[in-house]
PDB file of N, CA and C in Angstrom:
ATOM      1  N   MET A   1     -89.380 -25.260  61.407  1.00  0.00           N
ATOM      2  CA  MET A   1     -89.908 -25.731  60.145  1.00  0.00           C
ATOM      3  C   MET A   1     -90.141 -24.560  59.195  1.00  0.00           C
ATOM      4  N   GLU A   2     -90.663 -23.459  59.716  1.00  0.00           N
ATOM      5  CA  GLU A   2     -90.931 -22.292  58.873  1.00  0.00           C
ATOM      6  C   GLU A   2     -89.654 -21.793  58.195  1.00  0.00           C
ATOM      7  N   GLU A   3     -88.549 -21.867  58.898  1.00  0.00           N
ATOM      8  CA  GLU A   3     -87.274 -21.446  58.305  1.00  0.00           C
ATOM      9  C   GLU A   3     -86.924 -22.306  57.085  1.00  0.00           C
ATOM     10  N   TYR A   4     -87.153 -23.603  57.184  1.00  0.00           N
ATOM     11  CA  TYR A   4     -86.876 -24.505  56.070  1.00  0.00           C
ATOM     12  C   TYR A   4     -87.793 -24.217  54.883  1.00  0.00           C
ATOM     13  N   ILE A   5     -89.056 -23.953  55.172  1.00  0.00           N
ATOM     14  CA  ILE A   5     -90.001 -23.659  54.103  1.00  0.00           C
ATOM     15  C   ILE A   5     -89.598 -22.376  53.392  1.00  0.00           C
ATOM     16  N   LYS A   6     -89.247 -21.353  54.142  1.00  0.00           N
ATOM     17  CA  LYS A   6     -88.816 -20.095  53.531  1.00  0.00           C
ATOM     18  C   LYS A   6     -87.567 -20.297  52.675  1.00  0.00           C
ATOM     19  N   ARG A   7     -86.667 -21.115  53.153  1.00  0.00           N
ATOM     20  CA  ARG A   7     -85.435 -21.393  52.397  1.00  0.00           C
ATOM     21  C   ARG A   7     -85.764 -22.117  51.087  1.00  0.00           C
ATOM     22  N   ILE A   8     -86.680 -23.061  51.140  1.00  0.00           N
ATOM     23  CA  ILE A   8     -87.103 -23.760  49.927  1.00  0.00           C
ATOM     24  C   ILE A   8     -87.681 -22.757  48.929  1.00  0.00           C
ATOM     25  N   GLU A   9     -88.511 -21.836  49.415  1.00  0.00           N
ATOM     26  CA  GLU A   9     -89.098 -20.818  48.541  1.00  0.00           C
ATOM     27  C   GLU A   9     -88.016 -19.941  47.912  1.00  0.00           C
ATOM     28  N   GLN A  10     -87.009 -19.570  48.688  1.00  0.00           N
ATOM     29  CA  GLN A  10     -85.919 -18.753  48.159  1.00  0.00           C
ATOM     30  C   GLN A  10     -85.149 -19.491  47.068  1.00  0.00           C
ATOM     31  N   ILE A  11     -84.858 -20.751  47.323  1.00  0.00           N
ATOM     32  CA  ILE A  11     -84.127 -21.555  46.332  1.00  0.00           C
ATOM     33  C   ILE A  11     -84.965 -21.704  45.066  1.00  0.00           C
ATOM     34  N   ALA A  12     -86.251 -21.948  45.221  1.00  0.00           N
ATOM     35  CA  ALA A  12     -87.137 -22.093  44.062  1.00  0.00           C
ATOM     36  C   ALA A  12     -87.150 -20.813  43.235  1.00  0.00           C
ATOM     37  N   ALA A  13     -87.204 -19.675  43.907  1.00  0.00           N
ATOM     38  CA  ALA A  13     -87.223 -18.392  43.195  1.00  0.00           C
ATOM     39  C   ALA A  13     -85.932 -18.176  42.410  1.00  0.00           C
ATOM     40  N   LYS A  14     -84.822 -18.607  42.948  1.00  0.00           N
ATOM     41  CA  LYS A  14     -83.526 -18.440  42.277  1.00  0.00           C
ATOM     42  C   LYS A  14     -83.312 -19.441  41.150  1.00  0.00           C
ATOM     43  N   CYS A  15     -83.825 -20.637  41.325  1.00  0.00           N
ATOM     44  CA  CYS A  15     -83.490 -21.730  40.404  1.00  0.00           C
ATOM     45  C   CYS A  15     -84.521 -21.977  39.306  1.00  0.00           C
ATOM     46  N   THR A  16     -85.627 -21.273  39.337  1.00  0.00           N
ATOM     47  CA  THR A  16     -86.633 -21.469  38.296  1.00  0.00           C
ATOM     48  C   THR A  16     -86.769 -20.185  37.493  1.00  0.00           C
ATOM     49  N   LYS A  17     -86.947 -20.330  36.203  1.00  0.00           N
ATOM     50  CA  LYS A  17     -87.053 -19.172  35.328  1.00  0.00           C
ATOM     51  C   LYS A  17     -88.499 -18.772  35.084  1.00  0.00           C
ATOM     52  N   SER A  18     -89.396 -19.723  35.186  1.00  0.00           N
ATOM     53  CA  SER A  18     -90.812 -19.434  34.978  1.00  0.00           C
ATOM     54  C   SER A  18     -91.651 -20.425  35.770  1.00  0.00           C
ATOM     55  N   GLN A  19     -92.950 -20.148  35.831  1.00  0.00           N
ATOM     56  CA  GLN A  19     -93.828 -21.053  36.572  1.00  0.00           C
ATOM     57  C   GLN A  19     -93.858 -22.433  35.948  1.00  0.00           C
ATOM     58  N   SER A  20     -93.609 -22.511  34.649  1.00  0.00           N
ATOM     59  CA  SER A  20     -93.610 -23.823  33.998  1.00  0.00           C
ATOM     60  C   SER A  20     -92.394 -24.661  34.398  1.00  0.00           C
ATOM     61  N   ASP A  21     -91.411 -24.040  35.031  1.00  0.00           N
ATOM     62  CA  ASP A  21     -90.236 -24.774  35.516  1.00  0.00           C
ATOM     63  C   ASP A  21     -90.489 -25.472  36.844  1.00  0.00           C
ATOM     64  N   GLY A  22     -91.660 -25.298  37.392  1.00  0.00           N
ATOM     65  CA  GLY A  22     -91.987 -25.958  38.643  1.00  0.00           C
ATOM     66  C   GLY A  22     -92.144 -25.030  39.827  1.00  0.00           C
ATOM     67  N   TYR A  23     -91.931 -23.740  39.624  1.00  0.00           N
ATOM     68  CA  TYR A  23     -92.013 -22.788  40.726  1.00  0.00           C
ATOM     69  C   TYR A  23     -93.369 -22.838  41.425  1.00  0.00           C
ATOM     70  N   SER A  24     -94.452 -22.800  40.657  1.00  0.00           N
ATOM     71  CA  SER A  24     -95.781 -22.782  41.274  1.00  0.00           C
ATOM     72  C   SER A  24     -96.065 -24.077  42.032  1.00  0.00           C
ATOM     73  N   GLN A  25     -95.564 -25.206  41.511  1.00  0.00           N
ATOM     74  CA  GLN A  25     -95.751 -26.474  42.214  1.00  0.00           C
ATOM     75  C   GLN A  25     -94.996 -26.475  43.545  1.00  0.00           C
ATOM     76  N   ILE A  26     -93.804 -25.930  43.536  1.00  0.00           N
ATOM     77  CA  ILE A  26     -93.016 -25.847  44.771  1.00  0.00           C
ATOM     78  C   ILE A  26     -93.721 -24.955  45.786  1.00  0.00           C
ATOM     79  N   MET A  27     -94.296 -23.852  45.330  1.00  0.00           N
ATOM     80  CA  MET A  27     -95.004 -22.956  46.240  1.00  0.00           C
ATOM     81  C   MET A  27     -96.227 -23.645  46.834  1.00  0.00           C
ATOM     82  N   ARG A  28     -96.938 -24.441  46.043  1.00  0.00           N
ATOM     83  CA  ARG A  28     -98.093 -25.180  46.567  1.00  0.00           C
ATOM     84  C   ARG A  28     -97.649 -26.206  47.605  1.00  0.00           C
ATOM     85  N   ILE A  29     -96.524 -26.848  47.367  1.00  0.00           N
ATOM     86  CA  ILE A  29     -95.990 -27.803  48.341  1.00  0.00           C
ATOM     87  C   ILE A  29     -95.657 -27.078  49.647  1.00  0.00           C
ATOM     88  N   CYS A  30     -95.040 -25.919  49.550  1.00  0.00           N
ATOM     89  CA  CYS A  30     -94.700 -25.143  50.746  1.00  0.00           C
ATOM     90  C   CYS A  30     -95.966 -24.737  51.500  1.00  0.00           C
ATOM     91  N   ASP A  31     -97.006 -24.326  50.768  1.00  0.00           N
ATOM     92  CA  ASP A  31     -98.273 -23.984  51.416  1.00  0.00           C
ATOM     93  C   ASP A  31     -98.859 -25.193  52.133  1.00  0.00           C
ATOM     94  N   ALA A  32     -98.798 -26.354  51.488  1.00  0.00           N
ATOM     95  CA  ALA A  32     -99.311 -27.578  52.102  1.00  0.00           C
ATOM     96  C   ALA A  32     -98.513 -27.933  53.354  1.00  0.00           C
ATOM     97  N   MET A  33     -97.208 -27.730  53.306  1.00  0.00           N
ATOM     98  CA  MET A  33     -96.375 -28.002  54.477  1.00  0.00           C
ATOM     99  C   MET A  33     -96.766 -27.089  55.636  1.00  0.00           C
ATOM    100  N   ARG A  34     -97.037 -25.828  55.340  1.00  0.00           N
ATOM    101  CA  ARG A  34     -97.451 -24.887  56.388  1.00  0.00           C
ATOM    102  C   ARG A  34     -98.781 -25.315  57.002  1.00  0.00           C
ATOM    103  N   GLU A  35     -99.740 -25.702  56.155  1.00  0.00           N
ATOM    104  CA  GLU A  35    -101.041 -26.139  56.667  1.00  0.00           C
ATOM    105  C   GLU A  35    -100.905 -27.395  57.523  1.00  0.00           C
ATOM    106  N   GLU A  36    -100.085 -28.323  57.087  1.00  0.00           N
ATOM    107  CA  GLU A  36     -99.873 -29.549  57.867  1.00  0.00           C
ATOM    108  C   GLU A  36     -99.250 -29.211  59.216  1.00  0.00           C
ATOM    109  N   GLN A  37     -98.321 -28.276  59.216  1.00  0.00           N
ATOM    110  CA  GLN A  37     -97.703 -27.862  60.466  1.00  0.00           C
ATOM    111  C   GLN A  37     -98.746 -27.217  61.385  1.00  0.00           C
ATOM    112  N   ARG A  38     -99.599 -26.384  60.821  1.00  0.00           N
ATOM    113  CA  ARG A  38    -100.660 -25.755  61.618  1.00  0.00           C
ATOM    114  C   ARG A  38    -101.582 -26.816  62.212  1.00  0.00           C
ATOM    115  N   TYR A  39    -101.883 -27.859  61.425  1.00  0.00           N
ATOM    116  CA  TYR A  39    -102.718 -28.948  61.933  1.00  0.00           C
ATOM    117  C   TYR A  39    -102.015 -29.663  63.089  1.00  0.00           C
ATOM    118  N   CYS A  40    -100.747 -29.974  62.907  1.00  0.00           N
ATOM    119  CA  CYS A  40     -99.988 -30.693  63.940  1.00  0.00           C
ATOM    120  C   CYS A  40     -99.899 -29.889  65.230  1.00  0.00           C
ATOM    121  N   LEU A  41     -99.888 -28.566  65.114  1.00  0.00           N
ATOM    122  CA  LEU A  41     -99.823 -27.711  66.296  1.00  0.00           C
ATOM    123  C   LEU A  41    -101.202 -27.423  66.879  1.00  0.00           C
ATOM    124  N   GLY A  42    -102.258 -27.900  66.196  1.00  0.00           N
ATOM    125  CA  GLY A  42    -103.606 -27.735  66.708  1.00  0.00           C
ATOM    126  C   GLY A  42    -104.274 -26.427  66.327  1.00  0.00           C
ATOM    127  N   TYR A  43    -103.714 -25.696  65.356  1.00  0.00           N
ATOM    128  CA  TYR A  43    -104.291 -24.410  64.963  1.00  0.00           C
ATOM    129  C   TYR A  43    -105.427 -24.538  63.961  1.00  0.00           C
ATOM    130  N   VAL A  44    -105.510 -25.669  63.271  1.00  0.00           N
ATOM    131  CA  VAL A  44    -106.527 -25.851  62.242  1.00  0.00           C
ATOM    132  C   VAL A  44    -106.953 -27.318  62.233  1.00  0.00           C
ATOM    133  N   SER A  45    -108.210 -27.565  61.876  1.00  0.00           N
ATOM    134  CA  SER A  45    -108.712 -28.943  61.857  1.00  0.00           C
ATOM    135  C   SER A  45    -108.350 -29.627  60.543  1.00  0.00           C
ATOM    136  N   LYS A  46    -108.367 -30.944  60.553  1.00  0.00           N
ATOM    137  CA  LYS A  46    -108.080 -31.732  59.352  1.00  0.00           C
ATOM    138  C   LYS A  46    -109.131 -31.456  58.273  1.00  0.00           C
ATOM    139  N   GLU A  47    -110.377 -31.229  58.672  1.00  0.00           N
ATOM    140  CA  GLU A  47    -111.444 -30.938  57.718  1.00  0.00           C
ATOM    141  C   GLU A  47    -111.159 -29.640  56.978  1.00  0.00           C
ATOM    142  N   LYS A  48    -110.643 -28.650  57.678  1.00  0.00           N
ATOM    143  CA  LYS A  48    -110.301 -27.371  57.042  1.00  0.00           C
ATOM    144  C   LYS A  48    -109.219 -27.567  56.007  1.00  0.00           C
ATOM    145  N   ILE A  49    -108.217 -28.387  56.313  1.00  0.00           N
ATOM    146  CA  ILE A  49    -107.134 -28.658  55.369  1.00  0.00           C
ATOM    147  C   ILE A  49    -107.692 -29.384  54.147  1.00  0.00           C
ATOM    148  N   LYS A  50    -108.529 -30.392  54.368  1.00  0.00           N
ATOM    149  CA  LYS A  50    -109.112 -31.152  53.255  1.00  0.00           C
ATOM    150  C   LYS A  50    -109.944 -30.268  52.342  1.00  0.00           C
ATOM    151  N   SER A  51    -110.691 -29.328  52.927  1.00  0.00           N
ATOM    152  CA  SER A  51    -111.547 -28.466  52.120  1.00  0.00           C
ATOM    153  C   SER A  51    -110.745 -27.496  51.273  1.00  0.00           C
ATOM    154  N   GLN A  52    -109.506 -27.227  51.625  1.00  0.00           N
ATOM    155  CA  GLN A  52    -108.663 -26.296  50.875  1.00  0.00           C
ATOM    156  C   GLN A  52    -107.796 -26.968  49.838  1.00  0.00           C
ATOM    157  N   GLN A  53    -107.697 -28.284  49.839  1.00  0.00           N
ATOM    158  CA  GLN A  53    -106.772 -28.963  48.956  1.00  0.00           C
ATOM    159  C   GLN A  53    -107.063 -28.759  47.486  1.00  0.00           C
ATOM    160  N   PHE A  54    -108.328 -28.614  47.112  1.00  0.00           N
ATOM    161  CA  PHE A  54    -108.666 -28.525  45.704  1.00  0.00           C
ATOM    162  C   PHE A  54    -109.230 -27.168  45.318  1.00  0.00           C
ATOM    163  N   ASP A  55    -108.983 -26.154  46.165  1.00  0.00           N
ATOM    164  CA  ASP A  55    -109.443 -24.785  45.854  1.00  0.00           C
ATOM    165  C   ASP A  55    -108.649 -24.208  44.707  1.00  0.00           C
TER     166      ASP A  55
END
């Protein structure tokens, strides 16, 4: 999964010219995917993920 997330980040960096093009939103999605993966693997609790969603 991490390989796919990194690839998405690379594509976003190449295909966006500025943060207003969606780059920052894509990066937040990738961060959320990593946190969800950590939860699924048991590395972090659901409460920890919820507390970080609106930071």
